[in-house]
C-alpha atoms as a PDB file:
ATOM      1  CA  MET A   1     -56.985 -68.042  50.552  1.00  0.00           C
ATOM      2  CA  ARG A   2     -57.491 -70.073  47.369  1.00  0.00           C
ATOM      3  CA  ASN A   3     -60.703 -68.196  46.615  1.00  0.00           C
ATOM      4  CA  ARG A   4     -58.850 -64.883  46.865  1.00  0.00           C
ATOM      5  CA  ILE A   5     -56.175 -66.153  44.457  1.00  0.00           C
ATOM      6  CA  ARG A   6     -58.869 -67.356  42.039  1.00  0.00           C
ATOM      7  CA  LEU A   7     -60.666 -64.004  42.244  1.00  0.00           C
ATOM      8  CA  ALA A   8     -57.404 -62.123  41.687  1.00  0.00           C
ATOM      9  CA  GLY A   9     -56.614 -64.338  38.683  1.00  0.00           C
ATOM     10  CA  ALA A  10     -60.074 -63.839  37.213  1.00  0.00           C
ATOM     11  CA  ALA A  11     -59.824 -60.064  37.709  1.00  0.00           C
ATOM     12  CA  LEU A  12     -56.424 -60.061  36.009  1.00  0.00           C
ATOM     13  CA  LEU A  13     -57.765 -62.031  33.034  1.00  0.00           C
ATOM     14  CA  LEU A  14     -60.817 -59.779  32.733  1.00  0.00           C
ATOM     15  CA  GLY A  15     -58.582 -56.723  32.824  1.00  0.00           C
ATOM     16  CA  TYR A  16     -56.373 -58.231  30.117  1.00  0.00           C
ATOM     17  CA  ALA A  17     -59.401 -59.095  27.973  1.00  0.00           C
ATOM     18  CA  ALA A  18     -60.763 -55.572  28.412  1.00  0.00           C
ATOM     19  CA  ASN A  19     -57.527 -54.204  26.932  1.00  0.00           C
ATOM     20  CA  LEU A  20     -57.937 -56.438  23.856  1.00  0.00           C
ATOM     21  CA  SER A  21     -61.560 -55.565  23.204  1.00  0.00           C
ATOM     22  CA  PRO A  22     -61.012 -52.472  21.011  1.00  0.00           C
ATOM     23  CA  GLN A  23     -59.279 -54.741  18.504  1.00  0.00           C
ATOM     24  CA  ILE A  24     -62.111 -57.246  18.274  1.00  0.00           C
ATOM     25  CA  VAL A  25     -65.317 -55.336  19.024  1.00  0.00           C
ATOM     26  CA  GLU A  26     -66.303 -53.714  15.746  1.00  0.00           C
ATOM     27  CA  PRO A  27     -63.931 -53.961  12.790  1.00  0.00           C
ATOM     28  CA  LYS A  28     -64.577 -51.537   9.976  1.00  0.00           C
ATOM     29  CA  VAL A  29     -64.218 -52.535   6.355  1.00  0.00           C
ATOM     30  CA  THR A  30     -63.034 -49.968   3.824  1.00  0.00           C
ATOM     31  CA  THR A  31     -63.334 -50.455   0.081  1.00  0.00           C
ATOM     32  CA  LEU A  32     -61.462 -48.488  -2.567  1.00  0.00           C
ATOM     33  CA  GLY A  33     -60.882 -48.575  -6.282  1.00  0.00           C
ATOM     34  CA  LEU A  34     -57.657 -47.520  -7.963  1.00  0.00           C
ATOM     35  CA  ASP A  35     -59.515 -44.437  -9.219  1.00  0.00           C
ATOM     36  CA  ASP A  36     -59.854 -43.389  -5.554  1.00  0.00           C
ATOM     37  CA  VAL A  37     -56.106 -43.606  -4.847  1.00  0.00           C
ATOM     38  CA  ARG A  38     -53.607 -40.860  -5.621  1.00  0.00           C
ATOM     39  CA  VAL A  39     -51.067 -41.691  -8.341  1.00  0.00           C
ATOM     40  CA  LEU A  40     -47.460 -41.004  -7.400  1.00  0.00           C
ATOM     41  CA  SER A  41     -44.925 -40.588 -10.178  1.00  0.00           C
ATOM     42  CA  MET A  42     -41.797 -42.365  -8.975  1.00  0.00           C
ATOM     43  CA  ALA A  43     -39.844 -41.660 -12.169  1.00  0.00           C
ATOM     44  CA  GLU A  44     -40.738 -41.127 -15.781  1.00  0.00           C
ATOM     45  CA  GLY A  45     -42.594 -44.262 -16.856  1.00  0.00           C
ATOM     46  CA  HIS A  46     -43.127 -45.567 -13.305  1.00  0.00           C
ATOM     47  CA  SER A  47     -46.282 -44.841 -11.319  1.00  0.00           C
ATOM     48  CA  LEU A  48     -47.286 -46.044  -7.875  1.00  0.00           C
ATOM     49  CA  GLN A  49     -50.616 -46.190  -6.083  1.00  0.00           C
ATOM     50  CA  ARG A  50     -50.304 -47.172  -2.435  1.00  0.00           C
ATOM     51  CA  ILE A  51     -53.001 -48.058   0.082  1.00  0.00           C
ATOM     52  CA  ASN A  52     -51.974 -48.331   3.724  1.00  0.00           C
ATOM     53  CA  GLY A  53     -53.742 -50.210   6.472  1.00  0.00           C
ATOM     54  CA  PRO A  54     -52.741 -50.012  10.130  1.00  0.00           C
ATOM     55  CA  LEU A  55     -50.343 -52.985   9.902  1.00  0.00           C
ATOM     56  CA  ALA A  56     -49.721 -53.580   6.198  1.00  0.00           C
ATOM     57  CA  GLY A  57     -50.023 -51.872   2.856  1.00  0.00           C
ATOM     58  CA  ILE A  58     -50.388 -52.742  -0.793  1.00  0.00           C
ATOM     59  CA  ALA A  59     -48.997 -51.014  -3.862  1.00  0.00           C
ATOM     60  CA  TRP A  60     -50.097 -51.114  -7.504  1.00  0.00           C
ATOM     61  CA  GLN A  61     -47.213 -50.139  -9.775  1.00  0.00           C
ATOM     62  CA  GLU A  62     -47.111 -49.601 -13.515  1.00  0.00           C
ATOM     63  CA  TRP A  63     -43.740 -49.709 -15.255  1.00  0.00           C
ATOM     64  CA  GLU A  64     -42.769 -48.812 -18.819  1.00  0.00           C
ATOM     65  CA  ALA A  65     -40.153 -51.049 -20.435  1.00  0.00           C
ATOM     66  CA  GLY A  66     -36.638 -49.957 -19.474  1.00  0.00           C
ATOM     67  CA  VAL A  67     -37.559 -48.206 -16.214  1.00  0.00           C
ATOM     68  CA  LYS A  68     -35.105 -49.023 -13.409  1.00  0.00           C
ATOM     69  CA  LEU A  69     -35.426 -48.679  -9.658  1.00  0.00           C
ATOM     70  CA  GLU A  70     -31.907 -48.700  -8.234  1.00  0.00           C
ATOM     71  CA  GLN A  71     -30.998 -51.084  -5.448  1.00  0.00           C
ATOM     72  CA  HIS A  72     -32.237 -49.928  -2.066  1.00  0.00           C
ATOM     73  CA  ASN A  73     -33.553 -51.383   1.169  1.00  0.00           C
ATOM     74  CA  HIS A  74     -36.200 -50.558   3.755  1.00  0.00           C
ATOM     75  CA  LEU A  75     -37.700 -51.742   7.012  1.00  0.00           C
ATOM     76  CA  ASN A  76     -40.756 -53.167   5.266  1.00  0.00           C
ATOM     77  CA  GLN A  77     -40.816 -56.790   4.271  1.00  0.00           C
ATOM     78  CA  ALA A  78     -42.405 -57.139   0.856  1.00  0.00           C
ATOM     79  CA  VAL A  79     -44.136 -59.703  -1.313  1.00  0.00           C
ATOM     80  CA  LEU A  80     -44.330 -58.658  -4.955  1.00  0.00           C
ATOM     81  CA  VAL A  81     -46.234 -60.358  -7.762  1.00  0.00           C
ATOM     82  CA  VAL A  82     -45.952 -59.567 -11.454  1.00  0.00           C
ATOM     83  CA  VAL A  83     -49.453 -59.201 -12.876  1.00  0.00           C
ATOM     84  CA  GLU A  84     -48.324 -58.637 -16.455  1.00  0.00           C
ATOM     85  CA  GLY A  85     -45.044 -58.066 -18.246  1.00  0.00           C
ATOM     86  CA  ARG A  86     -41.579 -59.143 -17.128  1.00  0.00           C
ATOM     87  CA  MET A  87     -39.426 -57.660 -14.380  1.00  0.00           C
ATOM     88  CA  LYS A  88     -35.787 -58.168 -13.465  1.00  0.00           C
ATOM     89  CA  LEU A  89     -35.164 -58.218  -9.722  1.00  0.00           C
ATOM     90  CA  THR A  90     -31.613 -57.671  -8.509  1.00  0.00           C
ATOM     91  CA  SER A  91     -30.413 -58.314  -4.988  1.00  0.00           C
ATOM     92  CA  GLY A  92     -26.719 -57.711  -4.469  1.00  0.00           C
ATOM     93  CA  ASP A  93     -25.061 -59.587  -7.342  1.00  0.00           C
ATOM     94  CA  ARG A  94     -28.020 -61.951  -7.913  1.00  0.00           C
ATOM     95  CA  GLU A  95     -30.590 -61.480 -10.691  1.00  0.00           C
ATOM     96  CA  PHE A  96     -34.038 -62.993 -11.116  1.00  0.00           C
ATOM     97  CA  VAL A  97     -36.482 -62.580 -14.002  1.00  0.00           C
ATOM     98  CA  LEU A  98     -40.138 -62.653 -12.979  1.00  0.00           C
ATOM     99  CA  GLY A  99     -43.094 -63.043 -15.311  1.00  0.00           C
ATOM    100  CA  PRO A 100     -46.848 -63.016 -14.775  1.00  0.00           C
ATOM    101  CA  ARG A 101     -48.048 -64.815 -11.641  1.00  0.00           C
ATOM    102  CA  GLN A 102     -44.518 -65.084 -10.218  1.00  0.00           C
ATOM    103  CA  PHE A 103     -43.720 -63.764  -6.757  1.00  0.00           C
ATOM    104  CA  ALA A 104     -40.695 -62.373  -4.967  1.00  0.00           C
ATOM    105  CA  ILE A 105     -40.444 -62.368  -1.176  1.00  0.00           C
ATOM    106  CA  ILE A 106     -38.113 -59.630   0.042  1.00  0.00           C
ATOM    107  CA  PRO A 107     -37.288 -59.629   3.761  1.00  0.00           C
ATOM    108  CA  SER A 108     -36.761 -56.419   5.746  1.00  0.00           C
ATOM    109  CA  TYR A 109     -33.553 -54.537   4.926  1.00  0.00           C
ATOM    110  CA  VAL A 110     -32.531 -56.830   2.040  1.00  0.00           C
ATOM    111  CA  VAL A 111     -30.999 -54.766  -0.769  1.00  0.00           C
ATOM    112  CA  HIS A 112     -32.998 -55.052  -3.988  1.00  0.00           C
ATOM    113  CA  GLY A 113     -33.800 -53.198  -7.220  1.00  0.00           C
ATOM    114  CA  PHE A 114     -35.989 -53.647 -10.287  1.00  0.00           C
ATOM    115  CA  GLU A 115     -35.930 -53.179 -14.033  1.00  0.00           C
ATOM    116  CA  ALA A 116     -38.980 -53.480 -16.273  1.00  0.00           C
ATOM    117  CA  LEU A 117     -37.956 -55.718 -19.172  1.00  0.00           C
ATOM    118  CA  GLU A 118     -41.258 -54.876 -20.869  1.00  0.00           C
ATOM    119  CA  ASP A 119     -44.296 -52.800 -19.939  1.00  0.00           C
ATOM    120  CA  SER A 120     -45.348 -54.318 -16.606  1.00  0.00           C
ATOM    121  CA  ILE A 121     -47.781 -54.146 -13.718  1.00  0.00           C
ATOM    122  CA  THR A 122     -46.843 -55.341 -10.240  1.00  0.00           C
ATOM    123  CA  ILE A 123     -48.669 -55.576  -6.942  1.00  0.00           C
ATOM    124  CA  GLY A 124     -46.686 -55.474  -3.723  1.00  0.00           C
ATOM    125  CA  ALA A 125     -47.788 -56.150  -0.170  1.00  0.00           C
ATOM    126  CA  TYR A 126     -45.745 -54.514   2.599  1.00  0.00           C
ATOM    127  CA  SER A 127     -45.530 -54.840   6.332  1.00  0.00           C
ATOM    128  CA  PRO A 128     -45.346 -52.686   8.269  1.00  0.00           C
ATOM    129  CA  SER A 129     -47.262 -50.220   6.129  1.00  0.00           C
ATOM    130  CA  PHE A 130     -45.473 -47.169   4.787  1.00  0.00           C
ATOM    131  CA  PRO A 131     -46.004 -43.784   6.439  1.00  0.00           C
ATOM    132  CA  PRO A 132     -48.787 -41.696   4.860  1.00  0.00           C
ATOM    133  CA  ASP A 133     -47.731 -39.891   1.665  1.00  0.00           C
END
């Protein structure tokens, strides 16, 4: 009886491992440059280039001084870093000023908005990734 239970357990584990194998067998690496990614104009003076993976995405954004993105929210959690320039982040009635090499962590569904205080570049990582454009 114990041998049958052991065999059943081993078969169950092998079946479970077989279901995982497509995720670990042969990963494929993709490389891109910003020149390969479509530029989306979000508003005058604000461009976005977004690359989506299966579970997360990344966005390169260029902002002219004075450009505002009104407060909004979304399913995606986000981590944003200012590469150059200065950005004002608002969340409800709170304000934060971010400069180069400073990050903001924005959980899912938290209301937030941005204003470029000077010409700026930001990179944002998002999960889950956004739907294809």
